[in-house]
Structure formats: C-alpha cells, structure tokens
N, C-alpha and C. Protein backbone atom coordinates (compact mmCIF):
# COMPACT_ATOMS: atom_id res chain seq x y z
N MET A 1 23.21 -20.90 -62.27
CA MET A 1 22.51 -22.17 -62.36
C MET A 1 21.57 -22.19 -63.57
N MET A 2 20.99 -21.05 -63.86
CA MET A 2 20.06 -20.98 -64.98
C MET A 2 20.76 -21.25 -66.30
N SER A 3 21.99 -20.75 -66.48
CA SER A 3 22.70 -20.99 -67.73
C SER A 3 23.05 -22.46 -67.89
N LYS A 4 23.29 -23.15 -66.78
CA LYS A 4 23.59 -24.58 -66.83
C LYS A 4 22.36 -25.34 -67.31
N ARG A 5 21.17 -24.99 -66.79
CA ARG A 5 19.93 -25.63 -67.22
C ARG A 5 19.66 -25.34 -68.68
N LYS A 6 19.88 -24.08 -69.05
CA LYS A 6 19.61 -23.69 -70.42
C LYS A 6 20.49 -24.48 -71.38
N SER A 7 21.77 -24.64 -71.04
CA SER A 7 22.65 -25.39 -71.92
C SER A 7 22.25 -26.87 -71.96
N SER A 8 21.78 -27.41 -70.84
CA SER A 8 21.32 -28.79 -70.83
C SER A 8 20.09 -28.97 -71.70
N VAL A 9 19.16 -28.03 -71.59
CA VAL A 9 17.95 -28.08 -72.40
C VAL A 9 18.30 -27.92 -73.87
N GLU A 10 19.20 -27.03 -74.17
CA GLU A 10 19.61 -26.83 -75.56
C GLU A 10 20.29 -28.08 -76.11
N GLU A 11 21.11 -28.73 -75.28
CA GLU A 11 21.79 -29.95 -75.71
C GLU A 11 20.78 -31.07 -75.97
N MET A 12 19.80 -31.21 -75.07
CA MET A 12 18.78 -32.24 -75.27
C MET A 12 17.94 -31.95 -76.52
N ALA A 13 17.62 -30.68 -76.75
CA ALA A 13 16.86 -30.31 -77.94
C ALA A 13 17.66 -30.63 -79.19
N LYS A 14 18.95 -30.35 -79.17
CA LYS A 14 19.81 -30.65 -80.32
C LYS A 14 19.83 -32.15 -80.60
N GLN A 15 19.97 -32.96 -79.53
CA GLN A 15 19.98 -34.41 -79.70
C GLN A 15 18.65 -34.90 -80.28
N ALA A 16 17.55 -34.33 -79.79
CA ALA A 16 16.23 -34.74 -80.27
C ALA A 16 16.06 -34.38 -81.75
N GLU A 17 16.55 -33.23 -82.13
CA GLU A 17 16.45 -32.81 -83.53
C GLU A 17 17.30 -33.70 -84.45
N GLU A 18 18.44 -34.15 -83.94
CA GLU A 18 19.31 -35.01 -84.74
C GLU A 18 18.76 -36.42 -84.84
N GLY A 19 17.92 -36.80 -83.90
CA GLY A 19 17.34 -38.14 -83.89
C GLY A 19 18.13 -39.06 -82.97
N TYR A 20 17.47 -40.11 -82.56
CA TYR A 20 18.07 -41.06 -81.63
C TYR A 20 18.28 -42.40 -82.34
N ASP A 21 19.32 -43.09 -81.94
CA ASP A 21 19.58 -44.43 -82.43
C ASP A 21 18.82 -45.39 -81.52
N VAL A 22 17.67 -45.86 -81.99
CA VAL A 22 16.80 -46.69 -81.17
C VAL A 22 17.52 -47.98 -80.75
N ASP A 23 18.27 -48.59 -81.66
CA ASP A 23 18.99 -49.82 -81.32
C ASP A 23 19.97 -49.57 -80.17
N GLU A 24 20.65 -48.44 -80.19
CA GLU A 24 21.60 -48.12 -79.11
C GLU A 24 20.87 -47.90 -77.80
N ILE A 25 19.75 -47.25 -77.84
CA ILE A 25 18.98 -47.02 -76.61
C ILE A 25 18.51 -48.35 -76.04
N LEU A 26 18.03 -49.25 -76.88
CA LEU A 26 17.58 -50.54 -76.40
C LEU A 26 18.74 -51.37 -75.86
N ARG A 27 19.92 -51.26 -76.47
CA ARG A 27 21.09 -51.99 -76.01
C ARG A 27 21.52 -51.53 -74.62
N ARG A 28 21.41 -50.23 -74.35
CA ARG A 28 21.85 -49.67 -73.08
C ARG A 28 20.79 -49.77 -72.00
N ARG A 29 19.64 -50.26 -72.34
CA ARG A 29 18.52 -50.32 -71.41
C ARG A 29 18.91 -51.12 -70.18
N GLY A 30 18.57 -50.63 -69.03
CA GLY A 30 18.88 -51.32 -67.79
C GLY A 30 17.82 -52.35 -67.45
N GLY A 31 17.78 -52.70 -66.22
CA GLY A 31 16.79 -53.66 -65.77
C GLY A 31 17.36 -55.04 -65.57
N ARG A 32 16.49 -55.93 -65.28
CA ARG A 32 16.91 -57.30 -65.02
C ARG A 32 17.19 -58.02 -66.33
N PRO A 33 18.12 -58.97 -66.29
CA PRO A 33 18.40 -59.73 -67.51
C PRO A 33 17.23 -60.64 -67.86
N ALA A 34 17.08 -60.92 -69.14
CA ALA A 34 16.00 -61.79 -69.59
C ALA A 34 16.21 -63.20 -69.05
N MET A 35 15.10 -63.87 -68.74
CA MET A 35 15.17 -65.23 -68.22
C MET A 35 14.73 -66.26 -69.26
N GLY A 36 14.25 -65.82 -70.37
CA GLY A 36 13.76 -66.73 -71.39
C GLY A 36 13.53 -65.98 -72.68
N SER A 37 12.66 -66.50 -73.50
CA SER A 37 12.44 -65.92 -74.82
C SER A 37 11.45 -64.76 -74.79
N ALA A 38 10.80 -64.54 -73.66
CA ALA A 38 9.80 -63.47 -73.54
C ALA A 38 9.91 -62.87 -72.14
N PRO A 39 9.26 -61.75 -71.90
CA PRO A 39 9.29 -61.17 -70.56
C PRO A 39 8.77 -62.17 -69.53
N SER A 40 9.40 -62.17 -68.39
CA SER A 40 9.01 -63.10 -67.31
C SER A 40 7.76 -62.60 -66.61
N SER A 41 7.06 -63.53 -65.99
CA SER A 41 5.89 -63.16 -65.20
C SER A 41 6.23 -63.33 -63.72
N VAL A 42 5.49 -62.64 -62.91
CA VAL A 42 5.64 -62.75 -61.46
C VAL A 42 4.40 -63.46 -60.95
N GLU A 43 4.62 -64.53 -60.21
CA GLU A 43 3.50 -65.30 -59.66
C GLU A 43 3.55 -65.20 -58.15
N SER A 44 2.39 -65.21 -57.54
CA SER A 44 2.29 -65.10 -56.09
C SER A 44 1.84 -66.44 -55.53
N VAL A 45 2.55 -66.93 -54.52
CA VAL A 45 2.17 -68.17 -53.85
C VAL A 45 2.19 -67.94 -52.34
N ARG A 46 1.40 -68.70 -51.64
CA ARG A 46 1.40 -68.62 -50.19
C ARG A 46 2.29 -69.73 -49.65
N LEU A 47 3.15 -69.39 -48.72
CA LEU A 47 4.05 -70.36 -48.10
C LEU A 47 3.80 -70.36 -46.59
N SER A 48 3.80 -71.54 -46.03
CA SER A 48 3.71 -71.60 -44.57
C SER A 48 5.00 -71.03 -44.00
N PRO A 49 4.97 -70.55 -42.78
CA PRO A 49 6.19 -70.02 -42.18
C PRO A 49 7.32 -71.06 -42.15
N GLU A 50 6.95 -72.32 -41.93
CA GLU A 50 7.96 -73.38 -41.86
C GLU A 50 8.60 -73.63 -43.23
N LEU A 51 7.77 -73.66 -44.28
CA LEU A 51 8.30 -73.87 -45.62
C LEU A 51 9.20 -72.71 -46.04
N LYS A 52 8.77 -71.49 -45.74
CA LYS A 52 9.60 -70.34 -46.09
C LYS A 52 10.93 -70.39 -45.34
N ARG A 53 10.89 -70.74 -44.06
CA ARG A 53 12.12 -70.85 -43.28
C ARG A 53 13.06 -71.90 -43.90
N ASP A 54 12.48 -73.06 -44.25
CA ASP A 54 13.29 -74.13 -44.84
C ASP A 54 13.88 -73.70 -46.18
N LEU A 55 13.08 -73.00 -46.98
CA LEU A 55 13.57 -72.51 -48.27
C LEU A 55 14.70 -71.50 -48.08
N LEU A 56 14.52 -70.58 -47.14
CA LEU A 56 15.55 -69.59 -46.87
C LEU A 56 16.85 -70.24 -46.39
N GLU A 57 16.72 -71.24 -45.53
CA GLU A 57 17.92 -71.94 -45.05
C GLU A 57 18.63 -72.66 -46.19
N ARG A 58 17.87 -73.35 -47.02
CA ARG A 58 18.46 -74.09 -48.15
C ARG A 58 19.12 -73.13 -49.14
N ALA A 59 18.45 -72.04 -49.43
CA ALA A 59 19.00 -71.05 -50.36
C ALA A 59 20.30 -70.47 -49.79
N ALA A 60 20.32 -70.18 -48.50
CA ALA A 60 21.52 -69.62 -47.87
C ALA A 60 22.67 -70.63 -47.93
N GLN A 61 22.37 -71.90 -47.70
CA GLN A 61 23.41 -72.94 -47.78
C GLN A 61 24.02 -73.02 -49.17
N GLN A 62 23.18 -72.80 -50.19
CA GLN A 62 23.65 -72.89 -51.57
C GLN A 62 24.15 -71.54 -52.10
N GLY A 63 23.98 -70.49 -51.32
CA GLY A 63 24.44 -69.18 -51.75
C GLY A 63 23.61 -68.60 -52.89
N ILE A 64 22.31 -68.88 -52.88
CA ILE A 64 21.43 -68.37 -53.93
C ILE A 64 20.27 -67.62 -53.27
N SER A 65 19.54 -66.88 -54.08
CA SER A 65 18.39 -66.13 -53.58
C SER A 65 17.20 -67.06 -53.38
N LEU A 66 16.24 -66.60 -52.62
CA LEU A 66 15.01 -67.35 -52.42
C LEU A 66 14.32 -67.58 -53.77
N SER A 67 14.29 -66.56 -54.61
CA SER A 67 13.66 -66.69 -55.92
C SER A 67 14.34 -67.76 -56.76
N GLU A 68 15.67 -67.79 -56.73
CA GLU A 68 16.40 -68.80 -57.50
C GLU A 68 16.12 -70.19 -56.97
N ALA A 69 16.02 -70.34 -55.65
CA ALA A 69 15.70 -71.64 -55.05
C ALA A 69 14.32 -72.11 -55.50
N ILE A 70 13.36 -71.20 -55.53
CA ILE A 70 12.01 -71.54 -55.95
C ILE A 70 11.99 -71.91 -57.43
N ARG A 71 12.68 -71.12 -58.27
CA ARG A 71 12.74 -71.44 -59.70
C ARG A 71 13.37 -72.81 -59.94
N THR A 72 14.45 -73.10 -59.21
CA THR A 72 15.11 -74.39 -59.36
C THR A 72 14.19 -75.53 -58.98
N ALA A 73 13.49 -75.38 -57.86
CA ALA A 73 12.56 -76.43 -57.41
C ALA A 73 11.44 -76.63 -58.43
N LEU A 74 10.91 -75.55 -58.97
CA LEU A 74 9.85 -75.66 -59.96
C LEU A 74 10.35 -76.30 -61.25
N GLN A 75 11.56 -75.95 -61.66
CA GLN A 75 12.13 -76.55 -62.88
C GLN A 75 12.31 -78.06 -62.70
N GLU A 76 12.81 -78.46 -61.53
CA GLU A 76 12.97 -79.88 -61.25
C GLU A 76 11.61 -80.58 -61.22
N TYR A 77 10.61 -79.92 -60.69
CA TYR A 77 9.26 -80.49 -60.62
C TYR A 77 8.69 -80.73 -62.02
N VAL A 78 8.77 -79.72 -62.89
CA VAL A 78 8.18 -79.89 -64.22
C VAL A 78 9.02 -80.82 -65.10
N SER A 79 10.31 -80.91 -64.85
CA SER A 79 11.16 -81.80 -65.62
C SER A 79 10.94 -83.27 -65.24
N ALA A 80 10.48 -83.50 -64.02
CA ALA A 80 10.27 -84.86 -63.54
C ALA A 80 9.03 -85.50 -64.11
N SER A 81 8.11 -84.71 -64.65
CA SER A 81 6.85 -85.28 -65.14
C SER A 81 6.94 -85.80 -66.55
C-alpha cells in the first residue's frame, strides 16, 4: 500500500512541477450551472405552510423543483411591472 501512495505522491509532484493548465481546470470545474452573468445569490424567505404546500403541488404538477417554481413566479412578477 505504501508504494501505491508513494507513486501517487510522485505523480502529483511531477504534475505540479510541469504546471497546470488553468483554463482546463476551470472548464472541468463541477458545481451548478451558471444562472446569469454573475454568481447567483441565495435569498431566504418565510412561507406560510399553506403557501409552501400550494407551491409544492404546483411545482409537482409542472414537473419542476420548488426553486424553479419560485424563480418563475419572481420573474413573472418583475416582468409585469
């Protein structure tokens, strides 16, 4: 087992010495997809149990997540003004 670790450490050291392609690392980066031109923010709101139930039911009917239902409702709200 020790030789396996040693070879892994040696391989990582070799890669570090050769340098990394930053663009490739950023391309392979995981995480959630971008939702706009900048990182998204998370906002907290309080929902009555009835409103949350209604939102969950509507989202389930449409086959979307609760978050997507909320984003859609907010987008429609700001677009209406």
